[in-house]
PDB file of N, CA and C in Angstrom:
ATOM      1  N   MET A   1       7.364 -13.603 -86.785  1.00  0.00           N
ATOM      2  CA  MET A   1       7.881 -14.934 -86.519  1.00  0.00           C
ATOM      3  C   MET A   1       8.541 -15.079 -87.996  1.00  0.00           C
ATOM      4  N   THR A   2       9.928 -15.341 -88.057  1.00  0.00           N
ATOM      5  CA  THR A   2      10.483 -15.602 -89.072  1.00  0.00           C
ATOM      6  C   THR A   2      10.463 -17.131 -89.551  1.00  0.00           C
ATOM      7  N   LEU A   3      10.771 -17.490 -90.899  1.00  0.00           N
ATOM      8  CA  LEU A   3      10.955 -18.875 -91.279  1.00  0.00           C
ATOM      9  C   LEU A   3      11.848 -19.597 -90.549  1.00  0.00           C
ATOM     10  N   GLU A   4      13.033 -19.084 -90.563  1.00  0.00           N
ATOM     11  CA  GLU A   4      14.181 -19.816 -89.690  1.00  0.00           C
ATOM     12  C   GLU A   4      13.619 -20.076 -88.119  1.00  0.00           C
ATOM     13  N   LEU A   5      13.046 -19.314 -87.689  1.00  0.00           N
ATOM     14  CA  LEU A   5      12.714 -19.493 -86.082  1.00  0.00           C
ATOM     15  C   LEU A   5      11.670 -20.597 -86.304  1.00  0.00           C
ATOM     16  N   LEU A   6      10.700 -20.535 -87.273  1.00  0.00           N
ATOM     17  CA  LEU A   6       9.582 -21.569 -87.381  1.00  0.00           C
ATOM     18  C   LEU A   6      10.335 -23.047 -87.466  1.00  0.00           C
ATOM     19  N   GLN A   7      11.403 -22.898 -88.328  1.00  0.00           N
ATOM     20  CA  GLN A   7      12.225 -24.340 -88.769  1.00  0.00           C
ATOM     21  C   GLN A   7      12.816 -24.704 -87.438  1.00  0.00           C
ATOM     22  N   PHE A   8      13.361 -23.723 -86.887  1.00  0.00           N
ATOM     23  CA  PHE A   8      14.031 -23.824 -85.448  1.00  0.00           C
ATOM     24  C   PHE A   8      13.170 -24.878 -84.415  1.00  0.00           C
ATOM     25  N   LEU A   9      11.993 -24.027 -84.380  1.00  0.00           N
ATOM     26  CA  LEU A   9      11.205 -24.670 -83.176  1.00  0.00           C
ATOM     27  C   LEU A   9      10.540 -26.082 -83.732  1.00  0.00           C
ATOM     28  N   LEU A  10      10.214 -26.140 -84.908  1.00  0.00           N
ATOM     29  CA  LEU A  10       9.933 -27.633 -85.470  1.00  0.00           C
ATOM     30  C   LEU A  10      10.971 -28.622 -85.199  1.00  0.00           C
ATOM     31  N   VAL A  11      12.308 -28.362 -85.501  1.00  0.00           N
ATOM     32  CA  VAL A  11      13.128 -29.465 -85.240  1.00  0.00           C
ATOM     33  C   VAL A  11      13.328 -29.480 -83.760  1.00  0.00           C
ATOM     34  N   LYS A  12      13.319 -28.586 -82.827  1.00  0.00           N
ATOM     35  CA  LYS A  12      13.413 -28.668 -81.376  1.00  0.00           C
ATOM     36  C   LYS A  12      12.359 -29.465 -80.826  1.00  0.00           C
ATOM     37  N   SER A  13      11.295 -29.449 -81.415  1.00  0.00           N
ATOM     38  CA  SER A  13       9.826 -30.007 -80.904  1.00  0.00           C
ATOM     39  C   SER A  13       9.512 -31.219 -81.867  1.00  0.00           C
ATOM     40  N   ALA A  14      10.085 -31.781 -82.668  1.00  0.00           N
ATOM     41  CA  ALA A  14       9.588 -33.013 -83.586  1.00  0.00           C
ATOM     42  C   ALA A  14       9.769 -34.361 -82.598  1.00  0.00           C
ATOM     43  N   GLY A  15      10.616 -34.264 -81.799  1.00  0.00           N
ATOM     44  CA  GLY A  15      10.780 -35.618 -81.096  1.00  0.00           C
ATOM     45  C   GLY A  15       9.515 -35.669 -80.130  1.00  0.00           C
ATOM     46  N   VAL A  16       9.132 -34.700 -79.521  1.00  0.00           N
ATOM     47  CA  VAL A  16       7.899 -34.722 -78.753  1.00  0.00           C
ATOM     48  C   VAL A  16       6.732 -35.193 -79.340  1.00  0.00           C
ATOM     49  N   GLY A  17       6.509 -34.489 -80.568  1.00  0.00           N
ATOM     50  CA  GLY A  17       5.464 -34.882 -81.271  1.00  0.00           C
ATOM     51  C   GLY A  17       5.359 -36.539 -81.785  1.00  0.00           C
ATOM     52  N   VAL A  18       6.448 -36.784 -82.215  1.00  0.00           N
ATOM     53  CA  VAL A  18       6.619 -38.202 -82.924  1.00  0.00           C
ATOM     54  C   VAL A  18       6.334 -39.187 -81.592  1.00  0.00           C
ATOM     55  N   GLY A  19       7.055 -38.811 -80.466  1.00  0.00           N
ATOM     56  CA  GLY A  19       7.007 -39.810 -79.368  1.00  0.00           C
ATOM     57  C   GLY A  19       5.438 -39.974 -78.655  1.00  0.00           C
ATOM     58  N   ILE A  20       4.961 -38.577 -78.739  1.00  0.00           N
ATOM     59  CA  ILE A  20       3.440 -38.735 -78.293  1.00  0.00           C
ATOM     60  C   ILE A  20       2.644 -39.522 -79.440  1.00  0.00           C
ATOM     61  N   PHE A  21       2.743 -39.251 -80.621  1.00  0.00           N
ATOM     62  CA  PHE A  21       2.138 -40.028 -81.793  1.00  0.00           C
ATOM     63  C   PHE A  21       2.450 -41.567 -81.541  1.00  0.00           C
ATOM     64  N   VAL A  22       3.417 -41.975 -81.395  1.00  0.00           N
ATOM     65  CA  VAL A  22       3.818 -43.487 -81.386  1.00  0.00           C
ATOM     66  C   VAL A  22       3.107 -43.888 -80.098  1.00  0.00           C
ATOM     67  N   GLY A  23       3.335 -43.426 -78.992  1.00  0.00           N
ATOM     68  CA  GLY A  23       2.803 -43.829 -77.796  1.00  0.00           C
ATOM     69  C   GLY A  23       1.185 -43.947 -77.837  1.00  0.00           C
ATOM     70  N   THR A  24       0.522 -42.928 -78.317  1.00  0.00           N
ATOM     71  CA  THR A  24      -0.974 -42.868 -78.402  1.00  0.00           C
ATOM     72  C   THR A  24      -1.317 -43.836 -79.492  1.00  0.00           C
ATOM     73  N   LEU A  25      -0.645 -43.884 -80.539  1.00  0.00           N
ATOM     74  CA  LEU A  25      -0.942 -45.271 -81.618  1.00  0.00           C
ATOM     75  C   LEU A  25      -0.927 -46.412 -81.009  1.00  0.00           C
ATOM     76  N   LEU A  26       0.185 -46.790 -80.130  1.00  0.00           N
ATOM     77  CA  LEU A  26       0.294 -48.279 -79.567  1.00  0.00           C
ATOM     78  C   LEU A  26      -0.800 -48.174 -78.602  1.00  0.00           C
ATOM     79  N   GLY A  27      -0.900 -47.268 -77.721  1.00  0.00           N
ATOM     80  CA  GLY A  27      -1.789 -47.426 -76.498  1.00  0.00           C
ATOM     81  C   GLY A  27      -3.352 -47.615 -77.139  1.00  0.00           C
ATOM     82  N   LEU A  28      -3.705 -46.739 -77.733  1.00  0.00           N
ATOM     83  CA  LEU A  28      -4.950 -47.011 -78.312  1.00  0.00           C
ATOM     84  C   LEU A  28      -5.196 -48.133 -79.387  1.00  0.00           C
ATOM     85  N   GLY A  29      -4.315 -48.406 -79.928  1.00  0.00           N
ATOM     86  CA  GLY A  29      -4.334 -49.626 -80.727  1.00  0.00           C
ATOM     87  C   GLY A  29      -4.460 -51.001 -80.032  1.00  0.00           C
ATOM     88  N   PHE A  30      -3.669 -51.011 -78.965  1.00  0.00           N
ATOM     89  CA  PHE A  30      -3.987 -52.215 -78.014  1.00  0.00           C
ATOM     90  C   PHE A  30      -5.434 -52.258 -77.235  1.00  0.00           C
ATOM     91  N   ARG A  31      -5.703 -51.214 -77.029  1.00  0.00           N
ATOM     92  CA  ARG A  31      -6.995 -51.036 -76.347  1.00  0.00           C
ATOM     93  C   ARG A  31      -8.079 -51.377 -77.261  1.00  0.00           C
ATOM     94  N   ARG A  32      -8.020 -50.823 -78.563  1.00  0.00           N
ATOM     95  CA  ARG A  32      -8.905 -51.299 -79.418  1.00  0.00           C
ATOM     96  C   ARG A  32      -9.213 -52.663 -79.766  1.00  0.00           C
ATOM     97  N   ARG A  33      -7.794 -53.340 -79.892  1.00  0.00           N
ATOM     98  CA  ARG A  33      -7.786 -54.687 -80.269  1.00  0.00           C
ATOM     99  C   ARG A  33      -8.057 -55.590 -79.085  1.00  0.00           C
ATOM    100  N   ASN A  34      -7.810 -55.480 -78.028  1.00  0.00           N
ATOM    101  CA  ASN A  34      -8.138 -56.034 -76.907  1.00  0.00           C
ATOM    102  C   ASN A  34      -9.616 -56.080 -76.542  1.00  0.00           C
ATOM    103  N   THR A  35     -10.140 -54.753 -76.176  1.00  0.00           N
ATOM    104  CA  THR A  35     -11.449 -54.589 -75.689  1.00  0.00           C
ATOM    105  C   THR A  35     -12.447 -54.229 -76.890  1.00  0.00           C
ATOM    106  N   GLY A  36     -11.917 -53.671 -77.904  1.00  0.00           N
ATOM    107  CA  GLY A  36     -13.017 -53.292 -78.895  1.00  0.00           C
ATOM    108  C   GLY A  36     -13.665 -51.717 -79.023  1.00  0.00           C
ATOM    109  N   LYS A  37     -13.106 -51.290 -77.768  1.00  0.00           N
ATOM    110  CA  LYS A  37     -13.664 -50.148 -77.450  1.00  0.00           C
ATOM    111  C   LYS A  37     -13.309 -49.040 -78.378  1.00  0.00           C
ATOM    112  N   THR A  38     -14.236 -48.151 -79.121  1.00  0.00           N
ATOM    113  CA  THR A  38     -13.555 -47.041 -80.192  1.00  0.00           C
ATOM    114  C   THR A  38     -14.230 -45.846 -79.217  1.00  0.00           C
ATOM    115  N   ASP A  39     -14.595 -45.865 -78.225  1.00  0.00           N
ATOM    116  CA  ASP A  39     -14.942 -44.598 -77.298  1.00  0.00           C
ATOM    117  C   ASP A  39     -13.958 -43.461 -77.309  1.00  0.00           C
ATOM    118  N   GLY A  40     -14.217 -42.402 -77.663  1.00  0.00           N
ATOM    119  CA  GLY A  40     -13.139 -41.223 -77.686  1.00  0.00           C
ATOM    120  C   GLY A  40     -12.392 -41.409 -78.710  1.00  0.00           C
ATOM    121  N   LEU A  41     -12.501 -41.982 -79.750  1.00  0.00           N
ATOM    122  CA  LEU A  41     -11.598 -41.927 -80.937  1.00  0.00           C
ATOM    123  C   LEU A  41     -12.165 -40.938 -81.940  1.00  0.00           C
ATOM    124  N   LEU A  42     -11.514 -40.354 -82.561  1.00  0.00           N
ATOM    125  CA  LEU A  42     -12.026 -39.182 -83.564  1.00  0.00           C
ATOM    126  C   LEU A  42     -12.419 -40.230 -84.969  1.00  0.00           C
ATOM    127  N   GLY A  43     -13.644 -40.101 -85.269  1.00  0.00           N
ATOM    128  CA  GLY A  43     -13.974 -40.831 -86.484  1.00  0.00           C
ATOM    129  C   GLY A  43     -13.913 -42.355 -86.356  1.00  0.00           C
ATOM    130  N   GLY A  44     -13.717 -42.968 -85.202  1.00  0.00           N
ATOM    131  CA  GLY A  44     -13.520 -44.362 -84.915  1.00  0.00           C
ATOM    132  C   GLY A  44     -12.140 -44.762 -85.271  1.00  0.00           C
ATOM    133  N   SER A  45     -11.279 -43.743 -85.463  1.00  0.00           N
ATOM    134  CA  SER A  45      -9.889 -44.133 -86.233  1.00  0.00           C
ATOM    135  C   SER A  45      -8.936 -44.196 -84.973  1.00  0.00           C
ATOM    136  N   VAL A  46      -8.087 -45.124 -84.894  1.00  0.00           N
ATOM    137  CA  VAL A  46      -7.026 -44.899 -84.091  1.00  0.00           C
ATOM    138  C   VAL A  46      -5.927 -44.177 -84.454  1.00  0.00           C
ATOM    139  N   LEU A  47      -5.381 -44.008 -85.732  1.00  0.00           N
ATOM    140  CA  LEU A  47      -4.556 -43.435 -86.639  1.00  0.00           C
ATOM    141  C   LEU A  47      -5.001 -41.896 -86.696  1.00  0.00           C
ATOM    142  N   LEU A  48      -6.107 -41.670 -86.900  1.00  0.00           N
ATOM    143  CA  LEU A  48      -6.495 -40.179 -86.899  1.00  0.00           C
ATOM    144  C   LEU A  48      -6.349 -39.372 -85.603  1.00  0.00           C
ATOM    145  N   THR A  49      -6.925 -40.258 -84.543  1.00  0.00           N
ATOM    146  CA  THR A  49      -6.717 -39.724 -83.124  1.00  0.00           C
ATOM    147  C   THR A  49      -5.232 -39.581 -82.813  1.00  0.00           C
ATOM    148  N   ALA A  50      -4.353 -40.592 -83.012  1.00  0.00           N
ATOM    149  CA  ALA A  50      -2.926 -40.499 -82.857  1.00  0.00           C
ATOM    150  C   ALA A  50      -2.315 -39.336 -83.277  1.00  0.00           C
ATOM    151  N   LEU A  51      -2.762 -39.239 -84.749  1.00  0.00           N
ATOM    152  CA  LEU A  51      -2.167 -37.936 -85.532  1.00  0.00           C
ATOM    153  C   LEU A  51      -2.482 -36.678 -84.812  1.00  0.00           C
ATOM    154  N   VAL A  52      -3.781 -36.563 -84.590  1.00  0.00           N
ATOM    155  CA  VAL A  52      -4.161 -35.139 -83.901  1.00  0.00           C
ATOM    156  C   VAL A  52      -3.641 -34.805 -82.602  1.00  0.00           C
ATOM    157  N   VAL A  53      -3.548 -35.868 -81.686  1.00  0.00           N
ATOM    158  CA  VAL A  53      -2.785 -35.835 -80.497  1.00  0.00           C
ATOM    159  C   VAL A  53      -1.319 -35.384 -80.769  1.00  0.00           C
ATOM    160  N   GLY A  54      -0.672 -36.280 -81.558  1.00  0.00           N
ATOM    161  CA  GLY A  54       0.692 -35.924 -81.944  1.00  0.00           C
ATOM    162  C   GLY A  54       0.898 -34.324 -82.370  1.00  0.00           C
ATOM    163  N   LEU A  55       0.176 -34.106 -83.247  1.00  0.00           N
ATOM    164  CA  LEU A  55       0.186 -32.568 -83.935  1.00  0.00           C
ATOM    165  C   LEU A  55       0.002 -31.739 -82.632  1.00  0.00           C
ATOM    166  N   ALA A  56      -1.061 -31.815 -81.819  1.00  0.00           N
ATOM    167  CA  ALA A  56      -1.257 -31.033 -80.668  1.00  0.00           C
ATOM    168  C   ALA A  56       0.018 -30.956 -79.865  1.00  0.00           C
ATOM    169  N   ALA A  57       0.577 -32.167 -79.471  1.00  0.00           N
ATOM    170  CA  ALA A  57       1.873 -32.020 -78.547  1.00  0.00           C
ATOM    171  C   ALA A  57       2.954 -31.257 -79.209  1.00  0.00           C
ATOM    172  N   LEU A  58       3.105 -31.532 -80.426  1.00  0.00           N
ATOM    173  CA  LEU A  58       4.346 -30.707 -81.350  1.00  0.00           C
ATOM    174  C   LEU A  58       4.018 -29.221 -81.366  1.00  0.00           C
ATOM    175  N   LEU A  59       2.688 -28.796 -81.543  1.00  0.00           N
ATOM    176  CA  LEU A  59       2.432 -27.498 -81.481  1.00  0.00           C
ATOM    177  C   LEU A  59       2.439 -26.884 -80.045  1.00  0.00           C
ATOM    178  N   ALA A  60       2.144 -27.556 -79.012  1.00  0.00           N
ATOM    179  CA  ALA A  60       2.194 -27.199 -77.607  1.00  0.00           C
ATOM    180  C   ALA A  60       3.741 -26.985 -77.173  1.00  0.00           C
ATOM    181  N   MET A  61       4.388 -27.809 -77.598  1.00  0.00           N
ATOM    182  CA  MET A  61       6.175 -27.764 -77.407  1.00  0.00           C
ATOM    183  C   MET A  61       6.687 -26.741 -78.171  1.00  0.00           C
ATOM    184  N   MET A  62       6.277 -26.504 -79.380  1.00  0.00           N
ATOM    185  CA  MET A  62       6.836 -25.505 -80.169  1.00  0.00           C
ATOM    186  C   MET A  62       6.534 -23.921 -79.374  1.00  0.00           C
ATOM    187  N   VAL A  63       5.352 -23.878 -78.816  1.00  0.00           N
ATOM    188  CA  VAL A  63       4.977 -22.685 -78.106  1.00  0.00           C
ATOM    189  C   VAL A  63       5.858 -22.404 -76.917  1.00  0.00           C
ATOM    190  N   PHE A  64       5.990 -23.605 -76.007  1.00  0.00           N
ATOM    191  CA  PHE A  64       6.643 -23.647 -74.848  1.00  0.00           C
ATOM    192  C   PHE A  64       7.970 -23.209 -75.056  1.00  0.00           C
ATOM    193  N   THR A  65       8.665 -23.802 -76.122  1.00  0.00           N
ATOM    194  CA  THR A  65       9.961 -23.503 -76.469  1.00  0.00           C
ATOM    195  C   THR A  65      10.225 -22.069 -76.815  1.00  0.00           C
ATOM    196  N   TRP A  66       9.077 -21.511 -77.642  1.00  0.00           N
ATOM    197  CA  TRP A  66       9.315 -20.169 -78.046  1.00  0.00           C
ATOM    198  C   TRP A  66       8.976 -19.296 -76.824  1.00  0.00           C
ATOM    199  N   ILE A  67       8.190 -19.382 -75.972  1.00  0.00           N
ATOM    200  CA  ILE A  67       7.888 -18.693 -74.725  1.00  0.00           C
ATOM    201  C   ILE A  67       9.372 -18.811 -73.890  1.00  0.00           C
ATOM    202  N   GLY A  68      10.014 -19.977 -73.914  1.00  0.00           N
ATOM    203  CA  GLY A  68      11.286 -20.029 -73.042  1.00  0.00           C
ATOM    204  C   GLY A  68      12.344 -19.221 -73.679  1.00  0.00           C
ATOM    205  N   MET A  69      12.427 -18.993 -74.976  1.00  0.00           N
ATOM    206  CA  MET A  69      13.387 -18.263 -75.620  1.00  0.00           C
ATOM    207  C   MET A  69      13.165 -16.874 -75.490  1.00  0.00           C
ATOM    208  N   ARG A  70      12.028 -16.287 -75.062  1.00  0.00           N
ATOM    209  CA  ARG A  70      11.759 -14.843 -75.082  1.00  0.00           C
ATOM    210  C   ARG A  70      12.458 -14.339 -73.650  1.00  0.00           C
TER     211      ARG A  70
END
């Protein structure tokens, strides 16, 4: 895998990663503020959990795009 291909996949998949990050951040933030529940959060942190979920979505979309190009 070349650097150009990696950059292409990152640009094509960035919107999905950012969208999932923001959606998770808002959803878990509202849940924590309204109910006080921290179950299922990594380290009890909404921000850390949203970051990990966003990165996982970004990587998954990069793989799906790469497979679709083959």
